[in-house]
Amino acid sequence: MQVLQVQLEVGADPAEVGRARRWARSRLAGSGIGADEPLAETLILIVSELVTNAVVHTGCPAVLRMLLPGLPADASARTVRVEVADASARPPAPRHAHGDETNGRGLELVDGLADRWGWRPEGTGKAIWCEIDRYGVGDAGAGTFQGLAYEAV
């Protein structure tokens, strides 16, 4: 199995979230995950949530990493991993937003969309990671991602 790791340094400005989404889309396309695949939209939403959390809650730069299948034809490379490292050692604190609250849904979304997620200390800060298992031809759910589609803009 061949895996490609790519990373992007993200500034502390919330406007950087859009740049991170555009960068992630281009890397997904380069790994054979088409922009019109529900998996791509799900991954972009996760990137958006994790980068937003890092930038907004720490006020510091962050690093976005993606571990992608290295070759589109490599059927054994089925897991896509997204990580965002930041300078804060404070553990992530999942919240539950109520009603019309505009914050507090990010980690809930990640938990609902990812097959696995967690965090670990990294240097003086932490890295939050998640993984999504990619389904291939012949797998249950072939051509779909658990029947879900999301759009991140």
C-alpha atoms as a PDB file:
ATOM      1  CA  MET A   1       0.000   0.000   0.000  1.00  0.00           C
ATOM      2  CA  GLN A   2       1.319   3.401  -0.955  1.00  0.00           C
ATOM      3  CA  VAL A   3       0.258   6.469   1.045  1.00  0.00           C
ATOM      4  CA  LEU A   4       1.005  10.094   0.275  1.00  0.00           C
ATOM      5  CA  GLN A   5       1.303  12.615   3.123  1.00  0.00           C
ATOM      6  CA  VAL A   6       0.814  16.272   2.264  1.00  0.00           C
ATOM      7  CA  GLN A   7       0.687  19.247   4.591  1.00  0.00           C
ATOM      8  CA  LEU A   8      -0.189  22.930   4.574  1.00  0.00           C
ATOM      9  CA  GLU A   9       0.744  25.601   7.101  1.00  0.00           C
ATOM     10  CA  VAL A  10      -2.328  27.642   7.982  1.00  0.00           C
ATOM     11  CA  GLY A  11      -2.096  31.161   9.384  1.00  0.00           C
ATOM     12  CA  ALA A  12      -3.993  32.314  12.465  1.00  0.00           C
ATOM     13  CA  ASP A  13      -6.473  34.292  10.334  1.00  0.00           C
ATOM     14  CA  PRO A  14      -9.962  32.709   9.967  1.00  0.00           C
ATOM     15  CA  ALA A  15      -9.793  33.628   6.252  1.00  0.00           C
ATOM     16  CA  GLU A  16      -7.176  30.875   5.959  1.00  0.00           C
ATOM     17  CA  VAL A  17      -9.935  28.265   6.322  1.00  0.00           C
ATOM     18  CA  GLY A  18     -11.071  28.901   2.738  1.00  0.00           C
ATOM     19  CA  ARG A  19      -7.508  28.521   1.484  1.00  0.00           C
ATOM     20  CA  ALA A  20      -7.216  25.231   3.393  1.00  0.00           C
ATOM     21  CA  ARG A  21     -10.412  23.940   1.731  1.00  0.00           C
ATOM     22  CA  ARG A  22      -9.174  24.865  -1.757  1.00  0.00           C
ATOM     23  CA  TRP A  23      -5.793  23.245  -1.070  1.00  0.00           C
ATOM     24  CA  ALA A  24      -7.443  20.073   0.266  1.00  0.00           C
ATOM     25  CA  ARG A  25      -9.723  19.816  -2.807  1.00  0.00           C
ATOM     26  CA  SER A  26      -6.728  19.959  -5.124  1.00  0.00           C
ATOM     27  CA  ARG A  27      -4.880  17.285  -3.133  1.00  0.00           C
ATOM     28  CA  LEU A  28      -7.921  15.001  -3.106  1.00  0.00           C
ATOM     29  CA  ALA A  29      -8.287  15.328  -6.876  1.00  0.00           C
ATOM     30  CA  GLY A  30      -4.600  14.464  -7.276  1.00  0.00           C
ATOM     31  CA  SER A  31      -5.129  11.258  -5.309  1.00  0.00           C
ATOM     32  CA  GLY A  32      -8.009  10.103  -7.481  1.00  0.00           C
ATOM     33  CA  ILE A  33     -10.863  11.258  -5.236  1.00  0.00           C
ATOM     34  CA  GLY A  34     -13.100  13.236  -7.574  1.00  0.00           C
ATOM     35  CA  ALA A  35     -14.573  16.568  -6.522  1.00  0.00           C
ATOM     36  CA  ASP A  36     -18.066  15.210  -7.221  1.00  0.00           C
ATOM     37  CA  GLU A  37     -17.648  12.196  -4.920  1.00  0.00           C
ATOM     38  CA  PRO A  38     -19.537  12.445  -1.611  1.00  0.00           C
ATOM     39  CA  LEU A  39     -16.295  11.358   0.099  1.00  0.00           C
ATOM     40  CA  ALA A  40     -14.556  14.501  -1.168  1.00  0.00           C
ATOM     41  CA  GLU A  41     -17.287  16.790   0.171  1.00  0.00           C
ATOM     42  CA  THR A  42     -17.251  14.992   3.512  1.00  0.00           C
ATOM     43  CA  LEU A  43     -13.478  15.373   3.781  1.00  0.00           C
ATOM     44  CA  ILE A  44     -13.661  19.067   2.863  1.00  0.00           C
ATOM     45  CA  LEU A  45     -16.280  19.634   5.565  1.00  0.00           C
ATOM     46  CA  ILE A  46     -14.032  17.894   8.110  1.00  0.00           C
ATOM     47  CA  VAL A  47     -11.020  19.953   7.004  1.00  0.00           C
ATOM     48  CA  SER A  48     -13.094  23.104   7.368  1.00  0.00           C
ATOM     49  CA  GLU A  49     -14.275  22.216  10.879  1.00  0.00           C
ATOM     50  CA  LEU A  50     -10.868  21.128  12.205  1.00  0.00           C
ATOM     51  CA  VAL A  51      -8.967  24.081  10.740  1.00  0.00           C
ATOM     52  CA  THR A  52     -11.623  26.511  11.976  1.00  0.00           C
ATOM     53  CA  ASN A  53     -11.411  25.055  15.479  1.00  0.00           C
ATOM     54  CA  ALA A  54      -7.623  25.311  15.511  1.00  0.00           C
ATOM     55  CA  VAL A  55      -7.515  28.898  14.272  1.00  0.00           C
ATOM     56  CA  VAL A  56     -10.459  30.257  16.278  1.00  0.00           C
ATOM     57  CA  HIS A  57      -9.786  28.529  19.594  1.00  0.00           C
ATOM     58  CA  THR A  58      -6.013  29.004  19.704  1.00  0.00           C
ATOM     59  CA  GLY A  59      -5.458  32.228  17.764  1.00  0.00           C
ATOM     60  CA  CYS A  60      -2.245  30.596  16.492  1.00  0.00           C
ATOM     61  CA  PRO A  61      -1.123  29.092  13.186  1.00  0.00           C
ATOM     62  CA  ALA A  62      -1.841  25.408  12.555  1.00  0.00           C
ATOM     63  CA  VAL A  63      -0.681  22.627  10.250  1.00  0.00           C
ATOM     64  CA  LEU A  64      -3.152  20.652   8.131  1.00  0.00           C
ATOM     65  CA  ARG A  65      -2.011  17.185   7.099  1.00  0.00           C
ATOM     66  CA  MET A  66      -3.715  14.685   4.837  1.00  0.00           C
ATOM     67  CA  LEU A  67      -2.675  11.088   4.331  1.00  0.00           C
ATOM     68  CA  LEU A  68      -4.075   9.936   1.013  1.00  0.00           C
ATOM     69  CA  PRO A  69      -3.920   6.885  -1.207  1.00  0.00           C
ATOM     70  CA  GLY A  70      -0.763   7.390  -3.273  1.00  0.00           C
ATOM     71  CA  LEU A  71      -2.098   5.804  -6.434  1.00  0.00           C
ATOM     72  CA  PRO A  72      -5.746   5.898  -7.503  1.00  0.00           C
ATOM     73  CA  ALA A  73      -5.491   2.288  -8.693  1.00  0.00           C
ATOM     74  CA  ASP A  74      -4.191   1.038  -5.319  1.00  0.00           C
ATOM     75  CA  ALA A  75      -7.225  -0.857  -4.031  1.00  0.00           C
ATOM     76  CA  SER A  76      -5.556  -1.599  -0.695  1.00  0.00           C
ATOM     77  CA  ALA A  77      -5.247   2.091   0.226  1.00  0.00           C
ATOM     78  CA  ARG A  78      -8.739   2.724   1.526  1.00  0.00           C
ATOM     79  CA  THR A  79      -8.339   5.051   4.490  1.00  0.00           C
ATOM     80  CA  VAL A  80      -8.005   8.808   4.230  1.00  0.00           C
ATOM     81  CA  ARG A  81      -6.641  10.583   7.315  1.00  0.00           C
ATOM     82  CA  VAL A  82      -6.933  14.287   8.126  1.00  0.00           C
ATOM     83  CA  GLU A  83      -4.923  15.867  10.956  1.00  0.00           C
ATOM     84  CA  VAL A  84      -4.728  19.416  12.221  1.00  0.00           C
ATOM     85  CA  ALA A  85      -1.936  20.296  14.650  1.00  0.00           C
ATOM     86  CA  ASP A  86      -1.981  23.492  16.680  1.00  0.00           C
ATOM     87  CA  ALA A  87       0.070  25.135  19.423  1.00  0.00           C
ATOM     88  CA  SER A  88      -2.431  24.643  22.243  1.00  0.00           C
ATOM     89  CA  ALA A  89      -1.931  21.718  24.616  1.00  0.00           C
ATOM     90  CA  ARG A  90      -5.551  22.071  25.784  1.00  0.00           C
ATOM     91  CA  PRO A  91      -7.517  18.929  24.816  1.00  0.00           C
ATOM     92  CA  PRO A  92     -10.446  19.321  22.443  1.00  0.00           C
ATOM     93  CA  ALA A  93     -13.732  19.782  24.274  1.00  0.00           C
ATOM     94  CA  PRO A  94     -16.691  18.489  22.255  1.00  0.00           C
ATOM     95  CA  ARG A  95     -19.794  20.557  22.892  1.00  0.00           C
ATOM     96  CA  HIS A  96     -23.419  20.192  21.959  1.00  0.00           C
ATOM     97  CA  ALA A  97     -24.968  23.273  20.393  1.00  0.00           C
ATOM     98  CA  HIS A  98     -28.543  24.052  21.321  1.00  0.00           C
ATOM     99  CA  GLY A  99     -31.159  25.640  19.098  1.00  0.00           C
ATOM    100  CA  ASP A 100     -29.842  28.566  17.083  1.00  0.00           C
ATOM    101  CA  GLU A 101     -26.367  28.651  18.611  1.00  0.00           C
ATOM    102  CA  THR A 102     -23.780  29.277  15.908  1.00  0.00           C
ATOM    103  CA  ASN A 103     -20.870  27.481  17.605  1.00  0.00           C
ATOM    104  CA  GLY A 104     -20.347  24.085  19.179  1.00  0.00           C
ATOM    105  CA  ARG A 105     -21.068  21.717  16.299  1.00  0.00           C
ATOM    106  CA  GLY A 106     -17.591  21.141  14.821  1.00  0.00           C
ATOM    107  CA  LEU A 107     -16.443  18.081  16.739  1.00  0.00           C
ATOM    108  CA  GLU A 108     -19.997  16.686  16.708  1.00  0.00           C
ATOM    109  CA  LEU A 109     -19.857  16.805  12.907  1.00  0.00           C
ATOM    110  CA  VAL A 110     -16.433  15.178  12.846  1.00  0.00           C
ATOM    111  CA  ASP A 111     -17.648  12.457  15.199  1.00  0.00           C
ATOM    112  CA  GLY A 112     -20.676  11.796  13.008  1.00  0.00           C
ATOM    113  CA  LEU A 113     -18.835  11.798   9.695  1.00  0.00           C
ATOM    114  CA  ALA A 114     -15.528  10.087  10.483  1.00  0.00           C
ATOM    115  CA  ASP A 115     -15.058   6.384  11.084  1.00  0.00           C
ATOM    116  CA  ARG A 116     -12.560   7.222  13.840  1.00  0.00           C
ATOM    117  CA  TRP A 117     -11.204  10.373  15.419  1.00  0.00           C
ATOM    118  CA  GLY A 118      -9.086  11.393  18.351  1.00  0.00           C
ATOM    119  CA  TRP A 119      -6.244  13.590  19.449  1.00  0.00           C
ATOM    120  CA  ARG A 120      -2.706  13.272  20.726  1.00  0.00           C
ATOM    121  CA  PRO A 121      -0.083  15.572  22.210  1.00  0.00           C
ATOM    122  CA  GLU A 122       2.338  16.887  19.606  1.00  0.00           C
ATOM    123  CA  GLY A 123       5.307  18.977  20.634  1.00  0.00           C
ATOM    124  CA  THR A 124       4.005  21.695  22.930  1.00  0.00           C
ATOM    125  CA  GLY A 125       0.533  21.456  21.379  1.00  0.00           C
ATOM    126  CA  LYS A 126      -1.759  18.766  20.030  1.00  0.00           C
ATOM    127  CA  ALA A 127      -2.971  17.151  16.817  1.00  0.00           C
ATOM    128  CA  ILE A 128      -6.601  16.244  16.208  1.00  0.00           C
ATOM    129  CA  TRP A 129      -7.021  13.493  13.636  1.00  0.00           C
ATOM    130  CA  CYS A 130      -9.803  11.595  11.940  1.00  0.00           C
ATOM    131  CA  GLU A 131     -10.010   8.762   9.448  1.00  0.00           C
ATOM    132  CA  ILE A 132     -12.582   7.846   6.844  1.00  0.00           C
ATOM    133  CA  ASP A 133     -12.557   4.431   5.228  1.00  0.00           C
ATOM    134  CA  ARG A 134     -12.957   4.702   1.487  1.00  0.00           C
ATOM    135  CA  TYR A 135     -15.200   2.110  -0.100  1.00  0.00           C
ATOM    136  CA  GLY A 136     -14.144   0.685  -3.442  1.00  0.00           C
ATOM    137  CA  VAL A 137     -15.843  -1.231  -6.201  1.00  0.00           C
ATOM    138  CA  GLY A 138     -17.240  -4.473  -4.839  1.00  0.00           C
ATOM    139  CA  ASP A 139     -17.498  -3.147  -1.273  1.00  0.00           C
ATOM    140  CA  ALA A 140     -20.745  -2.514   0.504  1.00  0.00           C
ATOM    141  CA  GLY A 141     -21.746   0.992  -0.458  1.00  0.00           C
ATOM    142  CA  ALA A 142     -19.728   0.932  -3.693  1.00  0.00           C
ATOM    143  CA  GLY A 143     -19.701   4.320  -5.331  1.00  0.00           C
ATOM    144  CA  THR A 144     -21.174   6.053  -2.296  1.00  0.00           C
ATOM    145  CA  PHE A 145     -20.057   7.134   1.110  1.00  0.00           C
ATOM    146  CA  GLN A 146     -22.621   5.588   3.395  1.00  0.00           C
ATOM    147  CA  GLY A 147     -25.325   7.245   1.304  1.00  0.00           C
ATOM    148  CA  LEU A 148     -24.345  10.703   2.617  1.00  0.00           C
ATOM    149  CA  ALA A 149     -23.514  13.861   0.718  1.00  0.00           C
ATOM    150  CA  TYR A 150     -22.387  17.184   2.142  1.00  0.00           C
ATOM    151  CA  GLU A 151     -21.308  20.432   0.569  1.00  0.00           C
ATOM    152  CA  ALA A 152     -18.704  22.673   2.146  1.00  0.00           C
ATOM    153  CA  VAL A 153     -18.367  26.111   0.611  1.00  0.00           C
END
